Amino acid sequence: MAITKYKVIKKNLDAVINYAMNGEKTENGILVSAINCLPQKAYSQMMLTKKAFHKEDGRLGYHIIQ
């Protein structure tokens, strides 16, 4: 049975995305996926969405680990 956990990202979203996409940990990106955005452009797409809905403060996203 897989263990799944998530962490709320409250600051430094770009660093968390870069950490999650680390090639050494993800078999050169094979294990990286995203929902409704491209992993390579996740930060910019997420920030554009946050600006469009005036939600630039507080929770920035979630880091889901399986």
N, C-alpha and C. Protein backbone atom coordinates (compact mmCIF):
# COMPACT_ATOMS: atom_id res chain seq x y z
N MET A 1 0.84 -1.17 0.00
CA MET A 1 0.00 0.00 0.00
C MET A 1 0.89 1.25 0.00
N ALA A 2 0.57 2.20 -0.86
CA ALA A 2 1.36 3.42 -0.96
C ALA A 2 1.04 4.36 0.19
N ILE A 3 2.02 5.08 0.62
CA ILE A 3 1.84 6.10 1.65
C ILE A 3 1.81 7.44 0.94
N THR A 4 0.79 8.22 1.20
CA THR A 4 0.65 9.53 0.58
C THR A 4 0.59 10.58 1.69
N LYS A 5 1.30 11.67 1.47
CA LYS A 5 1.22 12.78 2.41
C LYS A 5 1.30 14.08 1.63
N TYR A 6 0.86 15.15 2.23
CA TYR A 6 0.93 16.44 1.57
C TYR A 6 1.40 17.50 2.55
N LYS A 7 2.04 18.51 2.00
CA LYS A 7 2.52 19.62 2.80
C LYS A 7 1.99 20.91 2.19
N VAL A 8 1.55 21.82 3.04
CA VAL A 8 1.08 23.12 2.57
C VAL A 8 2.29 24.01 2.35
N ILE A 9 2.35 24.65 1.19
CA ILE A 9 3.45 25.57 0.87
C ILE A 9 2.96 26.98 1.19
N LYS A 10 3.66 27.64 2.12
CA LYS A 10 3.28 28.98 2.53
C LYS A 10 4.27 30.04 2.08
N LYS A 11 5.49 29.62 1.71
CA LYS A 11 6.48 30.57 1.23
C LYS A 11 7.46 29.86 0.32
N ASN A 12 8.10 30.59 -0.55
CA ASN A 12 9.15 30.09 -1.44
C ASN A 12 8.67 28.95 -2.33
N LEU A 13 7.60 29.18 -3.05
CA LEU A 13 7.02 28.19 -3.95
C LEU A 13 8.01 27.73 -5.02
N ASP A 14 8.77 28.65 -5.56
CA ASP A 14 9.73 28.31 -6.61
C ASP A 14 10.76 27.29 -6.12
N ALA A 15 11.25 27.45 -4.90
CA ALA A 15 12.25 26.52 -4.36
C ALA A 15 11.64 25.13 -4.15
N VAL A 16 10.38 25.06 -3.72
CA VAL A 16 9.73 23.77 -3.51
C VAL A 16 9.52 23.06 -4.85
N ILE A 17 9.15 23.79 -5.88
CA ILE A 17 8.97 23.19 -7.20
C ILE A 17 10.30 22.68 -7.73
N ASN A 18 11.36 23.47 -7.58
CA ASN A 18 12.68 23.01 -8.03
C ASN A 18 13.14 21.77 -7.27
N TYR A 19 12.88 21.73 -5.98
CA TYR A 19 13.22 20.56 -5.17
C TYR A 19 12.46 19.33 -5.65
N ALA A 20 11.16 19.49 -5.91
CA ALA A 20 10.33 18.37 -6.34
C ALA A 20 10.72 17.86 -7.72
N MET A 21 11.33 18.71 -8.53
CA MET A 21 11.71 18.31 -9.89
C MET A 21 13.18 17.90 -10.00
N ASN A 22 13.86 17.75 -8.87
CA ASN A 22 15.27 17.35 -8.86
C ASN A 22 15.46 16.04 -9.63
N GLY A 23 16.26 16.07 -10.68
CA GLY A 23 16.46 14.91 -11.54
C GLY A 23 17.04 13.71 -10.84
N GLU A 24 17.87 13.92 -9.83
CA GLU A 24 18.46 12.80 -9.10
C GLU A 24 17.42 12.02 -8.30
N LYS A 25 16.36 12.70 -7.88
CA LYS A 25 15.34 12.05 -7.06
C LYS A 25 14.15 11.56 -7.88
N THR A 26 14.03 12.01 -9.11
CA THR A 26 12.84 11.71 -9.91
C THR A 26 13.14 10.95 -11.19
N GLU A 27 14.28 10.27 -11.22
CA GLU A 27 14.71 9.52 -12.41
C GLU A 27 14.67 10.43 -13.64
N ASN A 28 15.37 11.56 -13.53
CA ASN A 28 15.47 12.57 -14.59
C ASN A 28 14.12 13.11 -15.02
N GLY A 29 13.20 13.27 -14.08
CA GLY A 29 11.90 13.88 -14.35
C GLY A 29 10.80 12.91 -14.71
N ILE A 30 11.10 11.63 -14.83
CA ILE A 30 10.08 10.66 -15.20
C ILE A 30 8.98 10.58 -14.13
N LEU A 31 9.33 10.77 -12.89
CA LEU A 31 8.38 10.65 -11.79
C LEU A 31 7.68 11.97 -11.45
N VAL A 32 7.88 13.00 -12.25
CA VAL A 32 7.28 14.32 -12.00
C VAL A 32 6.00 14.45 -12.82
N SER A 33 4.93 14.91 -12.19
CA SER A 33 3.69 15.18 -12.90
C SER A 33 3.06 16.44 -12.32
N ALA A 34 2.09 16.96 -13.03
CA ALA A 34 1.40 18.17 -12.58
C ALA A 34 -0.05 18.09 -13.02
N ILE A 35 -0.90 18.84 -12.37
CA ILE A 35 -2.31 18.88 -12.71
C ILE A 35 -2.62 20.28 -13.23
N ASN A 36 -3.15 20.36 -14.43
CA ASN A 36 -3.57 21.61 -15.08
C ASN A 36 -2.43 22.59 -15.32
N CYS A 37 -1.19 22.12 -15.41
CA CYS A 37 -0.06 22.97 -15.77
C CYS A 37 1.10 22.10 -16.23
N LEU A 38 2.08 22.70 -16.85
CA LEU A 38 3.27 21.99 -17.27
C LEU A 38 4.29 22.03 -16.13
N PRO A 39 4.92 20.91 -15.78
CA PRO A 39 5.89 20.93 -14.68
C PRO A 39 6.99 21.96 -14.87
N GLN A 40 7.47 22.16 -16.10
CA GLN A 40 8.55 23.10 -16.35
C GLN A 40 8.10 24.56 -16.18
N LYS A 41 6.82 24.82 -16.27
CA LYS A 41 6.30 26.19 -16.15
C LYS A 41 5.33 26.32 -14.98
N ALA A 42 5.39 25.38 -14.06
CA ALA A 42 4.43 25.35 -12.96
C ALA A 42 4.42 26.63 -12.15
N TYR A 43 5.60 27.15 -11.80
CA TYR A 43 5.65 28.35 -10.96
C TYR A 43 4.96 29.53 -11.63
N SER A 44 5.33 29.82 -12.87
CA SER A 44 4.75 30.99 -13.55
C SER A 44 3.25 30.81 -13.78
N GLN A 45 2.82 29.59 -14.13
CA GLN A 45 1.40 29.36 -14.35
C GLN A 45 0.61 29.45 -13.04
N MET A 46 1.18 28.95 -11.97
CA MET A 46 0.49 29.03 -10.68
C MET A 46 0.38 30.48 -10.21
N MET A 47 1.43 31.25 -10.39
CA MET A 47 1.39 32.65 -9.96
C MET A 47 0.42 33.47 -10.81
N LEU A 48 0.32 33.19 -12.12
CA LEU A 48 -0.65 33.88 -12.96
C LEU A 48 -2.08 33.57 -12.51
N THR A 49 -2.34 32.33 -12.14
CA THR A 49 -3.66 31.95 -11.65
C THR A 49 -3.96 32.64 -10.34
N LYS A 50 -2.98 32.70 -9.43
CA LYS A 50 -3.18 33.36 -8.14
C LYS A 50 -3.48 34.84 -8.34
N LYS A 51 -2.77 35.50 -9.27
CA LYS A 51 -3.02 36.92 -9.53
C LYS A 51 -4.40 37.14 -10.12
N ALA A 52 -4.83 36.25 -11.00
CA ALA A 52 -6.14 36.39 -11.63
C ALA A 52 -7.27 36.32 -10.61
N PHE A 53 -7.09 35.55 -9.53
CA PHE A 53 -8.11 35.41 -8.51
C PHE A 53 -7.81 36.21 -7.24
N HIS A 54 -6.80 37.09 -7.30
CA HIS A 54 -6.42 37.95 -6.16
C HIS A 54 -6.15 37.14 -4.90
N LYS A 55 -5.39 36.04 -5.05
CA LYS A 55 -5.06 35.16 -3.93
C LYS A 55 -3.54 35.02 -3.80
N GLU A 56 -2.82 36.13 -3.80
CA GLU A 56 -1.36 36.09 -3.78
C GLU A 56 -0.76 35.92 -2.39
N ASP A 57 -1.57 35.99 -1.35
CA ASP A 57 -1.08 35.83 0.02
C ASP A 57 -1.50 34.49 0.58
N GLY A 58 -0.90 34.10 1.69
CA GLY A 58 -1.30 32.88 2.37
C GLY A 58 -0.77 31.63 1.73
N ARG A 59 -1.62 30.64 1.59
CA ARG A 59 -1.24 29.33 1.04
C ARG A 59 -0.91 29.48 -0.45
N LEU A 60 0.28 29.02 -0.84
CA LEU A 60 0.71 29.11 -2.23
C LEU A 60 0.41 27.84 -3.01
N GLY A 61 0.34 26.72 -2.34
CA GLY A 61 0.08 25.45 -3.02
C GLY A 61 0.30 24.29 -2.09
N TYR A 62 0.30 23.08 -2.66
CA TYR A 62 0.51 21.86 -1.91
C TYR A 62 1.62 21.05 -2.56
N HIS A 63 2.39 20.37 -1.76
CA HIS A 63 3.41 19.42 -2.24
C HIS A 63 2.90 18.04 -1.83
N ILE A 64 2.50 17.24 -2.83
CA ILE A 64 1.93 15.93 -2.56
C ILE A 64 3.01 14.88 -2.85
N ILE A 65 3.22 13.99 -1.90
CA ILE A 65 4.27 12.97 -1.98
C ILE A 65 3.63 11.60 -1.86
N GLN A 66 3.99 10.72 -2.78
CA GLN A 66 3.47 9.36 -2.71
C GLN A 66 4.61 8.39 -2.55
